[in-house]
Amino acid sequence: MKSFNISLKSINDVKDFVNLANKYDFDIDLVSGRYVVDAKSIMGIFSLDLSKPIEVQVHADDCDKFCEEIKKFIV
């Protein structure tokens, strides 16, 4: 499992992130405080506090391509 922080500042950022996450078969969670949501769920992401960085937990060993694609969101 890999984890890192991202920042989603706009609606378009959220849509782009969800579209990228949905391209992959492995599980990806977003953690904000005590809340954990599926990164492939646009409604789940909008239930989080997007004004703060969000922790991404990728549940796969081979996620280098995904991490490269979302590099613009990583803080």
Protein backbone atom coordinates (compact mmCIF):
# COMPACT_ATOMS: atom_id res chain seq x y z
CA MET A 1 0.00 0.00 0.00
CA LYS A 2 1.18 3.50 -0.83
CA SER A 3 -0.15 6.68 0.71
CA PHE A 4 0.36 10.37 0.01
CA ASN A 5 -1.55 13.65 0.22
CA ILE A 6 -3.40 15.37 -2.59
CA SER A 7 -5.28 18.62 -2.99
CA LEU A 8 -8.44 18.93 -5.10
CA LYS A 9 -9.15 22.62 -5.50
CA SER A 10 -11.99 22.66 -8.04
CA ILE A 11 -14.87 20.62 -9.41
CA ASN A 12 -12.80 19.88 -12.51
CA ASP A 13 -9.95 18.57 -10.34
CA VAL A 14 -12.37 16.16 -8.65
CA LYS A 15 -13.79 14.98 -12.00
CA ASP A 16 -10.30 14.48 -13.45
CA PHE A 17 -9.13 12.58 -10.36
CA VAL A 18 -12.18 10.27 -10.35
CA ASN A 19 -11.77 9.56 -14.07
CA LEU A 20 -8.11 8.62 -13.52
CA ALA A 21 -8.94 6.45 -10.49
CA ASN A 22 -11.64 4.57 -12.40
CA LYS A 23 -9.10 3.45 -15.02
CA TYR A 24 -7.47 1.11 -12.48
CA ASP A 25 -8.71 -2.18 -10.98
CA PHE A 26 -7.12 -1.79 -7.54
CA ASP A 27 -8.80 -0.12 -4.56
CA ILE A 28 -8.06 3.53 -3.81
CA ASP A 29 -9.33 5.20 -0.65
CA LEU A 30 -9.37 8.85 0.38
CA VAL A 31 -8.97 9.62 4.09
CA SER A 32 -9.95 12.93 5.66
CA GLY A 33 -9.99 12.96 9.44
CA ARG A 34 -11.99 9.92 10.49
CA TYR A 35 -13.81 9.60 7.16
CA VAL A 36 -12.75 7.12 4.47
CA VAL A 37 -14.37 7.17 1.03
CA ASP A 38 -13.81 5.33 -2.23
CA ALA A 39 -11.70 7.48 -4.56
CA LYS A 40 -13.79 6.25 -7.49
CA SER A 41 -16.95 7.84 -6.02
CA ILE A 42 -17.48 11.46 -7.03
CA MET A 43 -20.27 11.85 -4.44
CA GLY A 44 -18.02 10.40 -1.74
CA ILE A 45 -15.27 12.89 -2.54
CA PHE A 46 -17.67 15.83 -2.40
CA SER A 47 -18.68 14.72 1.12
CA LEU A 48 -15.11 15.44 2.32
CA ASP A 49 -13.60 18.76 3.39
CA LEU A 50 -11.76 19.72 0.19
CA SER A 51 -10.19 22.82 1.74
CA LYS A 52 -7.55 20.60 3.40
CA PRO A 53 -5.15 18.07 1.87
CA ILE A 54 -6.63 14.57 1.59
CA GLU A 55 -4.67 11.37 2.17
CA VAL A 56 -4.77 8.86 -0.70
CA GLN A 57 -4.28 5.18 0.14
CA VAL A 58 -3.56 3.01 -2.88
CA HIS A 59 -4.06 -0.69 -2.13
CA ALA A 60 -1.68 -2.09 -4.74
CA ASP A 61 2.02 -2.73 -5.08
CA ASP A 62 2.24 -1.81 -8.75
CA CYS A 63 0.67 1.67 -8.80
CA ASP A 64 3.51 3.67 -10.35
CA LYS A 65 1.52 4.55 -13.48
CA PHE A 66 -1.43 5.80 -11.40
CA CYS A 67 0.89 7.84 -9.17
CA GLU A 68 2.50 9.38 -12.25
CA GLU A 69 -0.90 10.34 -13.72
CA ILE A 70 -2.09 12.10 -10.56
CA LYS A 71 1.21 13.89 -9.92
CA LYS A 72 -0.42 17.29 -10.52
CA PHE A 73 -2.69 16.76 -7.47
CA ILE A 74 0.03 15.63 -5.04
CA VAL A 75 1.08 18.15 -2.38
